[in-house]
Amino acid sequence: MSKSIKELEGSIKYSFKNKDLLHKALTHKSFDSDNNNEKLEFLGDRVLGLVISKKLLEKYPNEKEGIIDKKFANLVNKKTCIKIARKLNLKKYLYLGTSQKNIVRSADKIVSDSLEAIVGAIYLDGGIKSSEKFILNLWESFIVNSVITLIDSKTKLQEYSLKRFKKLPKYTFFKKTGPQHKPKFKTEVEIPESKKIIGEGASKKKAQQNAAEKLIKLLNI
């Protein structure tokens, strides 16, 4: 067994019985057009979706399906996979052809696909329990820190205002306070027939989300 494979197994906290599966999961089509990770990535994507959706239903049993769906999309998208792949320094272990080695633009997609391929490889090597353990270990902090409910508040207010008044909510920047390294923003929001509500946050976007959430509660939407 190569030193790099053993090192990666230590990072992902899983030891393969069939090392060829891990090797295949790390092989990009530019390195081997016939024996590469494309099918493992296809499988891993489905396994990831199953495990994450099951976990969300267990963690948020009383949440609406629409919110669960948004959380799910945020957790399995390429951006999250890229963050996890970077944390594992996955690019270091990939088998790439010369055409891909120096292309930065496609690197993110390649490492993201390889992470999903590893999920597929673990599923084939150790079954659903092993792949579930692997996924929940790496995705745990993203599940815990999900902020979709706040994001949905702004969307919910917008949908309500458009449906009832055919107008978008009006956000007005109020003021910025605090030191440069830790600013606090205040933003006003209103819709027709409502009061102006002030929201606060560490950025304009977060202040808008906070204001929308407050107005939704006030109007009992």
C-alpha atoms as a PDB file:
ATOM      1  CA  MET A   1       0.000   0.000   0.000  1.00  0.00           C
ATOM      2  CA  SER A   2       1.361   3.417  -0.947  1.00  0.00           C
ATOM      3  CA  LYS A   3       2.105   5.950   1.767  1.00  0.00           C
ATOM      4  CA  SER A   4      -0.324   8.480   0.248  1.00  0.00           C
ATOM      5  CA  ILE A   5      -3.232   5.998   0.229  1.00  0.00           C
ATOM      6  CA  LYS A   6      -2.601   5.107   3.868  1.00  0.00           C
ATOM      7  CA  GLU A   7      -2.408   8.819   4.720  1.00  0.00           C
ATOM      8  CA  LEU A   8      -5.727   9.540   3.004  1.00  0.00           C
ATOM      9  CA  GLU A   9      -7.419   6.620   4.763  1.00  0.00           C
ATOM     10  CA  GLY A  10      -6.279   8.147   8.035  1.00  0.00           C
ATOM     11  CA  SER A  11      -7.800  11.509   7.059  1.00  0.00           C
ATOM     12  CA  ILE A  12     -11.163  10.046   6.020  1.00  0.00           C
ATOM     13  CA  LYS A  13     -11.181   7.611   8.970  1.00  0.00           C
ATOM     14  CA  TYR A  14     -11.944   4.611   6.769  1.00  0.00           C
ATOM     15  CA  SER A  15      -9.690   1.732   5.746  1.00  0.00           C
ATOM     16  CA  PHE A  16     -10.612   0.047   2.464  1.00  0.00           C
ATOM     17  CA  LYS A  17     -10.701  -3.722   2.214  1.00  0.00           C
ATOM     18  CA  ASN A  18     -10.440  -3.299  -1.560  1.00  0.00           C
ATOM     19  CA  LYS A  19      -7.778  -0.619  -2.142  1.00  0.00           C
ATOM     20  CA  ASP A  20      -8.519  -0.651  -5.874  1.00  0.00           C
ATOM     21  CA  LEU A  21     -11.854   1.042  -5.164  1.00  0.00           C
ATOM     22  CA  LEU A  22     -10.139   3.993  -3.505  1.00  0.00           C
ATOM     23  CA  HIS A  23      -7.582   4.184  -6.318  1.00  0.00           C
ATOM     24  CA  LYS A  24     -10.428   4.268  -8.833  1.00  0.00           C
ATOM     25  CA  ALA A  25     -12.276   6.958  -6.850  1.00  0.00           C
ATOM     26  CA  LEU A  26      -9.180   9.161  -7.119  1.00  0.00           C
ATOM     27  CA  THR A  27      -8.664   8.608 -10.854  1.00  0.00           C
ATOM     28  CA  HIS A  28      -9.889  11.350 -13.188  1.00  0.00           C
ATOM     29  CA  LYS A  29     -10.888  10.536 -16.760  1.00  0.00           C
ATOM     30  CA  SER A  30      -7.988  12.656 -18.043  1.00  0.00           C
ATOM     31  CA  PHE A  31      -5.636  10.084 -16.469  1.00  0.00           C
ATOM     32  CA  ASP A  32      -7.534   6.966 -17.582  1.00  0.00           C
ATOM     33  CA  SER A  33     -10.442   7.290 -20.014  1.00  0.00           C
ATOM     34  CA  ASP A  34     -11.704   3.744 -19.319  1.00  0.00           C
ATOM     35  CA  ASN A  35     -11.048   3.008 -15.643  1.00  0.00           C
ATOM     36  CA  ASN A  36     -11.901   6.246 -13.809  1.00  0.00           C
ATOM     37  CA  ASN A  37     -14.188   7.599 -11.070  1.00  0.00           C
ATOM     38  CA  GLU A  38     -17.202   8.744 -13.132  1.00  0.00           C
ATOM     39  CA  LYS A  39     -19.479   5.814 -12.225  1.00  0.00           C
ATOM     40  CA  LEU A  40     -18.407   5.890  -8.581  1.00  0.00           C
ATOM     41  CA  GLU A  41     -19.215   9.617  -8.517  1.00  0.00           C
ATOM     42  CA  PHE A  42     -22.674   8.853  -9.949  1.00  0.00           C
ATOM     43  CA  LEU A  43     -23.266   6.267  -7.213  1.00  0.00           C
ATOM     44  CA  GLY A  44     -21.800   8.432  -4.463  1.00  0.00           C
ATOM     45  CA  ASP A  45     -24.074  11.331  -5.349  1.00  0.00           C
ATOM     46  CA  ARG A  46     -27.119   9.087  -4.752  1.00  0.00           C
ATOM     47  CA  VAL A  47     -25.751   7.644  -1.505  1.00  0.00           C
ATOM     48  CA  LEU A  48     -24.931  11.140  -0.236  1.00  0.00           C
ATOM     49  CA  GLY A  49     -28.472  12.295  -1.026  1.00  0.00           C
ATOM     50  CA  LEU A  50     -30.012   9.337   0.799  1.00  0.00           C
ATOM     51  CA  VAL A  51     -27.893   9.766   3.941  1.00  0.00           C
ATOM     52  CA  ILE A  52     -28.320  13.553   4.169  1.00  0.00           C
ATOM     53  CA  SER A  53     -32.084  13.461   3.550  1.00  0.00           C
ATOM     54  CA  LYS A  54     -32.505  10.757   6.227  1.00  0.00           C
ATOM     55  CA  LYS A  55     -30.452  12.782   8.712  1.00  0.00           C
ATOM     56  CA  LEU A  56     -32.430  15.971   8.061  1.00  0.00           C
ATOM     57  CA  LEU A  57     -35.755  14.210   8.619  1.00  0.00           C
ATOM     58  CA  GLU A  58     -34.426  12.830  11.917  1.00  0.00           C
ATOM     59  CA  LYS A  59     -32.975  16.179  13.047  1.00  0.00           C
ATOM     60  CA  TYR A  60     -35.927  18.351  11.987  1.00  0.00           C
ATOM     61  CA  PRO A  61     -39.047  16.155  12.411  1.00  0.00           C
ATOM     62  CA  ASN A  62     -41.407  19.133  12.652  1.00  0.00           C
ATOM     63  CA  GLU A  63     -39.883  21.254   9.870  1.00  0.00           C
ATOM     64  CA  LYS A  64     -41.831  21.921   6.677  1.00  0.00           C
ATOM     65  CA  GLU A  65     -40.832  19.993   3.559  1.00  0.00           C
ATOM     66  CA  GLY A  66     -39.874  23.202   1.734  1.00  0.00           C
ATOM     67  CA  ILE A  67     -37.324  24.130   4.396  1.00  0.00           C
ATOM     68  CA  ILE A  68     -35.949  20.568   4.504  1.00  0.00           C
ATOM     69  CA  ASP A  69     -35.565  20.685   0.742  1.00  0.00           C
ATOM     70  CA  LYS A  70     -33.608  23.954   0.896  1.00  0.00           C
ATOM     71  CA  LYS A  71     -31.354  22.606   3.655  1.00  0.00           C
ATOM     72  CA  PHE A  72     -30.781  19.446   1.621  1.00  0.00           C
ATOM     73  CA  ALA A  73     -29.857  21.376  -1.529  1.00  0.00           C
ATOM     74  CA  ASN A  74     -27.413  23.507   0.444  1.00  0.00           C
ATOM     75  CA  LEU A  75     -25.734  20.465   2.027  1.00  0.00           C
ATOM     76  CA  VAL A  76     -25.232  18.340  -1.095  1.00  0.00           C
ATOM     77  CA  ASN A  77     -24.308  21.069  -3.574  1.00  0.00           C
ATOM     78  CA  LYS A  78     -20.877  21.444  -5.143  1.00  0.00           C
ATOM     79  CA  LYS A  79     -19.876  24.352  -2.880  1.00  0.00           C
ATOM     80  CA  THR A  80     -20.208  22.240   0.266  1.00  0.00           C
ATOM     81  CA  CYS A  81     -18.468  19.265  -1.349  1.00  0.00           C
ATOM     82  CA  ILE A  82     -15.602  21.528  -2.428  1.00  0.00           C
ATOM     83  CA  LYS A  83     -15.153  22.860   1.122  1.00  0.00           C
ATOM     84  CA  ILE A  84     -14.977  19.330   2.500  1.00  0.00           C
ATOM     85  CA  ALA A  85     -12.631  18.159  -0.272  1.00  0.00           C
ATOM     86  CA  ARG A  86     -10.304  21.095   0.446  1.00  0.00           C
ATOM     87  CA  LYS A  87     -10.336  20.288   4.160  1.00  0.00           C
ATOM     88  CA  LEU A  88      -9.163  16.770   3.273  1.00  0.00           C
ATOM     89  CA  ASN A  89      -6.600  18.219   0.837  1.00  0.00           C
ATOM     90  CA  LEU A  90      -8.074  15.764  -1.665  1.00  0.00           C
ATOM     91  CA  LYS A  91      -6.432  17.336  -4.698  1.00  0.00           C
ATOM     92  CA  LYS A  92      -3.080  16.093  -3.405  1.00  0.00           C
ATOM     93  CA  TYR A  93      -4.124  12.455  -3.892  1.00  0.00           C
ATOM     94  CA  LEU A  94      -5.796  12.646  -7.308  1.00  0.00           C
ATOM     95  CA  TYR A  95      -4.554  10.932 -10.455  1.00  0.00           C
ATOM     96  CA  LEU A  96      -4.815  13.559 -13.185  1.00  0.00           C
ATOM     97  CA  GLY A  97      -3.729  13.631 -16.803  1.00  0.00           C
ATOM     98  CA  THR A  98      -1.302  16.321 -17.937  1.00  0.00           C
ATOM     99  CA  SER A  99      -4.205  18.231 -19.537  1.00  0.00           C
ATOM    100  CA  GLN A 100      -5.773  18.838 -16.099  1.00  0.00           C
ATOM    101  CA  LYS A 101      -2.836  19.194 -13.712  1.00  0.00           C
ATOM    102  CA  ASN A 102      -2.386  22.933 -14.230  1.00  0.00           C
ATOM    103  CA  ILE A 103      -5.985  23.979 -14.883  1.00  0.00           C
ATOM    104  CA  VAL A 104      -7.193  25.839 -11.800  1.00  0.00           C
ATOM    105  CA  ARG A 105     -10.651  26.613 -13.176  1.00  0.00           C
ATOM    106  CA  SER A 106     -11.764  22.969 -13.314  1.00  0.00           C
ATOM    107  CA  ALA A 107      -9.981  21.904 -10.111  1.00  0.00           C
ATOM    108  CA  ASP A 108     -12.960  22.558  -7.836  1.00  0.00           C
ATOM    109  CA  LYS A 109     -15.315  20.364  -9.866  1.00  0.00           C
ATOM    110  CA  ILE A 110     -12.723  17.596 -10.080  1.00  0.00           C
ATOM    111  CA  VAL A 111     -12.145  17.423  -6.312  1.00  0.00           C
ATOM    112  CA  SER A 112     -15.875  17.706  -5.609  1.00  0.00           C
ATOM    113  CA  ASP A 113     -16.617  14.803  -7.974  1.00  0.00           C
ATOM    114  CA  SER A 114     -13.799  12.789  -6.411  1.00  0.00           C
ATOM    115  CA  LEU A 115     -15.276  13.271  -2.930  1.00  0.00           C
ATOM    116  CA  GLU A 116     -18.597  11.872  -4.165  1.00  0.00           C
ATOM    117  CA  ALA A 117     -16.691   9.028  -5.842  1.00  0.00           C
ATOM    118  CA  ILE A 118     -15.113   8.175  -2.481  1.00  0.00           C
ATOM    119  CA  VAL A 119     -18.615   8.023  -0.978  1.00  0.00           C
ATOM    120  CA  GLY A 120     -19.581   5.568  -3.719  1.00  0.00           C
ATOM    121  CA  ALA A 121     -16.410   3.547  -3.186  1.00  0.00           C
ATOM    122  CA  ILE A 122     -17.011   3.289   0.574  1.00  0.00           C
ATOM    123  CA  TYR A 123     -20.586   2.152  -0.094  1.00  0.00           C
ATOM    124  CA  LEU A 124     -19.353  -0.668  -2.352  1.00  0.00           C
ATOM    125  CA  ASP A 125     -16.551  -1.586   0.040  1.00  0.00           C
ATOM    126  CA  GLY A 126     -18.320  -1.395   3.394  1.00  0.00           C
ATOM    127  CA  GLY A 127     -22.049  -0.901   2.795  1.00  0.00           C
ATOM    128  CA  ILE A 128     -24.504   1.804   3.785  1.00  0.00           C
ATOM    129  CA  LYS A 129     -23.495   1.937   7.476  1.00  0.00           C
ATOM    130  CA  SER A 130     -19.856   2.697   6.617  1.00  0.00           C
ATOM    131  CA  SER A 131     -20.786   5.345   4.059  1.00  0.00           C
ATOM    132  CA  GLU A 132     -23.290   6.906   6.484  1.00  0.00           C
ATOM    133  CA  LYS A 133     -20.622   7.143   9.186  1.00  0.00           C
ATOM    134  CA  PHE A 134     -18.173   8.720   6.720  1.00  0.00           C
ATOM    135  CA  ILE A 135     -20.701  11.283   5.449  1.00  0.00           C
ATOM    136  CA  LEU A 136     -22.079  12.343   8.835  1.00  0.00           C
ATOM    137  CA  ASN A 137     -18.566  12.773  10.225  1.00  0.00           C
ATOM    138  CA  LEU A 138     -17.597  15.190   7.431  1.00  0.00           C
ATOM    139  CA  TRP A 139     -20.951  16.952   6.995  1.00  0.00           C
ATOM    140  CA  GLU A 140     -21.814  17.276  10.709  1.00  0.00           C
ATOM    141  CA  SER A 141     -20.740  20.906  11.152  1.00  0.00           C
ATOM    142  CA  PHE A 142     -22.585  21.953   7.974  1.00  0.00           C
ATOM    143  CA  ILE A 143     -25.791  20.297   9.204  1.00  0.00           C
ATOM    144  CA  VAL A 144     -25.478  21.889  12.644  1.00  0.00           C
ATOM    145  CA  ASN A 145     -24.754  25.363  11.228  1.00  0.00           C
ATOM    146  CA  SER A 146     -27.513  25.388   8.627  1.00  0.00           C
ATOM    147  CA  VAL A 147     -29.102  28.876   8.370  1.00  0.00           C
ATOM    148  CA  ILE A 148     -31.739  28.153   5.749  1.00  0.00           C
ATOM    149  CA  THR A 149     -34.555  29.231   8.069  1.00  0.00           C
ATOM    150  CA  LEU A 150     -33.209  32.818   8.105  1.00  0.00           C
ATOM    151  CA  ILE A 151     -32.659  32.845   4.365  1.00  0.00           C
ATOM    152  CA  ASP A 152     -36.183  31.563   3.852  1.00  0.00           C
ATOM    153  CA  SER A 153     -37.647  34.452   5.893  1.00  0.00           C
ATOM    154  CA  LYS A 154     -36.699  36.972   3.208  1.00  0.00           C
ATOM    155  CA  THR A 155     -38.047  34.724   0.454  1.00  0.00           C
ATOM    156  CA  LYS A 156     -41.244  34.108   2.396  1.00  0.00           C
ATOM    157  CA  LEU A 157     -41.867  37.835   2.906  1.00  0.00           C
ATOM    158  CA  GLN A 158     -41.219  38.510  -0.762  1.00  0.00           C
ATOM    159  CA  GLU A 159     -43.684  35.807  -1.862  1.00  0.00           C
ATOM    160  CA  TYR A 160     -46.334  37.125   0.529  1.00  0.00           C
ATOM    161  CA  SER A 161     -45.949  40.745  -0.595  1.00  0.00           C
ATOM    162  CA  LEU A 162     -46.021  39.859  -4.296  1.00  0.00           C
ATOM    163  CA  LYS A 163     -49.066  37.640  -3.897  1.00  0.00           C
ATOM    164  CA  ARG A 164     -51.091  40.121  -1.847  1.00  0.00           C
ATOM    165  CA  PHE A 165     -49.921  43.533  -3.088  1.00  0.00           C
ATOM    166  CA  LYS A 166     -48.073  42.779  -6.351  1.00  0.00           C
ATOM    167  CA  LYS A 167     -45.103  44.676  -4.889  1.00  0.00           C
ATOM    168  CA  LEU A 168     -41.715  43.672  -3.517  1.00  0.00           C
ATOM    169  CA  PRO A 169     -40.755  44.422   0.097  1.00  0.00           C
ATOM    170  CA  LYS A 170     -38.863  47.709   0.386  1.00  0.00           C
ATOM    171  CA  TYR A 171     -35.494  47.504   2.173  1.00  0.00           C
ATOM    172  CA  THR A 172     -33.852  50.778   3.187  1.00  0.00           C
ATOM    173  CA  PHE A 173     -30.321  50.891   4.513  1.00  0.00           C
ATOM    174  CA  PHE A 174     -30.548  52.566   7.920  1.00  0.00           C
ATOM    175  CA  LYS A 175     -27.025  52.897   9.366  1.00  0.00           C
ATOM    176  CA  LYS A 176     -23.732  51.227  10.153  1.00  0.00           C
ATOM    177  CA  THR A 177     -22.216  51.308  13.638  1.00  0.00           C
ATOM    178  CA  GLY A 178     -19.403  49.639  15.543  1.00  0.00           C
ATOM    179  CA  PRO A 179     -15.685  49.240  14.845  1.00  0.00           C
ATOM    180  CA  GLN A 180     -14.348  48.407  11.377  1.00  0.00           C
ATOM    181  CA  HIS A 181     -13.464  44.825  12.330  1.00  0.00           C
ATOM    182  CA  LYS A 182     -16.868  44.153  13.870  1.00  0.00           C
ATOM    183  CA  PRO A 183     -19.517  46.350  12.213  1.00  0.00           C
ATOM    184  CA  LYS A 184     -23.229  46.285  12.934  1.00  0.00           C
ATOM    185  CA  PHE A 185     -25.735  47.144  10.211  1.00  0.00           C
ATOM    186  CA  LYS A 186     -29.319  48.292  10.629  1.00  0.00           C
ATOM    187  CA  THR A 187     -31.865  47.989   7.839  1.00  0.00           C
ATOM    188  CA  GLU A 188     -35.533  48.936   7.578  1.00  0.00           C
ATOM    189  CA  VAL A 189     -38.098  46.849   5.713  1.00  0.00           C
ATOM    190  CA  GLU A 190     -41.740  47.477   4.931  1.00  0.00           C
ATOM    191  CA  ILE A 191     -44.477  46.196   2.681  1.00  0.00           C
ATOM    192  CA  PRO A 192     -47.798  47.912   1.844  1.00  0.00           C
ATOM    193  CA  GLU A 193     -50.001  48.345   4.931  1.00  0.00           C
ATOM    194  CA  SER A 194     -47.192  47.389   7.341  1.00  0.00           C
ATOM    195  CA  LYS A 195     -45.020  49.243   9.821  1.00  0.00           C
ATOM    196  CA  LYS A 196     -41.341  49.829   9.136  1.00  0.00           C
ATOM    197  CA  ILE A 197     -39.349  47.156  10.923  1.00  0.00           C
ATOM    198  CA  ILE A 198     -35.658  47.451  11.780  1.00  0.00           C
ATOM    199  CA  GLY A 199     -33.338  44.468  11.484  1.00  0.00           C
ATOM    200  CA  GLU A 200     -29.732  44.159  12.663  1.00  0.00           C
ATOM    201  CA  GLY A 201     -26.822  42.024  11.572  1.00  0.00           C
ATOM    202  CA  ALA A 202     -23.099  41.760  10.920  1.00  0.00           C
ATOM    203  CA  SER A 203     -23.718  42.542   7.236  1.00  0.00           C
ATOM    204  CA  LYS A 204     -26.415  44.294   5.186  1.00  0.00           C
ATOM    205  CA  LYS A 205     -27.662  40.894   3.997  1.00  0.00           C
ATOM    206  CA  LYS A 206     -27.979  39.522   7.536  1.00  0.00           C
ATOM    207  CA  ALA A 207     -29.719  42.706   8.665  1.00  0.00           C
ATOM    208  CA  GLN A 208     -32.258  42.275   5.857  1.00  0.00           C
ATOM    209  CA  GLN A 209     -32.856  38.656   6.868  1.00  0.00           C
ATOM    210  CA  ASN A 210     -33.354  39.695  10.472  1.00  0.00           C
ATOM    211  CA  ALA A 211     -35.787  42.464   9.491  1.00  0.00           C
ATOM    212  CA  ALA A 212     -37.779  40.107   7.265  1.00  0.00           C
ATOM    213  CA  GLU A 213     -37.988  37.523  10.046  1.00  0.00           C
ATOM    214  CA  LYS A 214     -39.292  40.153  12.513  1.00  0.00           C
ATOM    215  CA  LEU A 215     -41.922  41.429  10.068  1.00  0.00           C
ATOM    216  CA  ILE A 216     -43.109  37.900   9.314  1.00  0.00           C
ATOM    217  CA  LYS A 217     -43.636  37.280  13.036  1.00  0.00           C
ATOM    218  CA  LEU A 218     -45.414  40.644  13.465  1.00  0.00           C
ATOM    219  CA  LEU A 219     -47.816  39.941  10.600  1.00  0.00           C
ATOM    220  CA  ASN A 220     -48.197  36.280  11.629  1.00  0.00           C
ATOM    221  CA  ILE A 221     -47.479  35.123   8.071  1.00  0.00           C
END
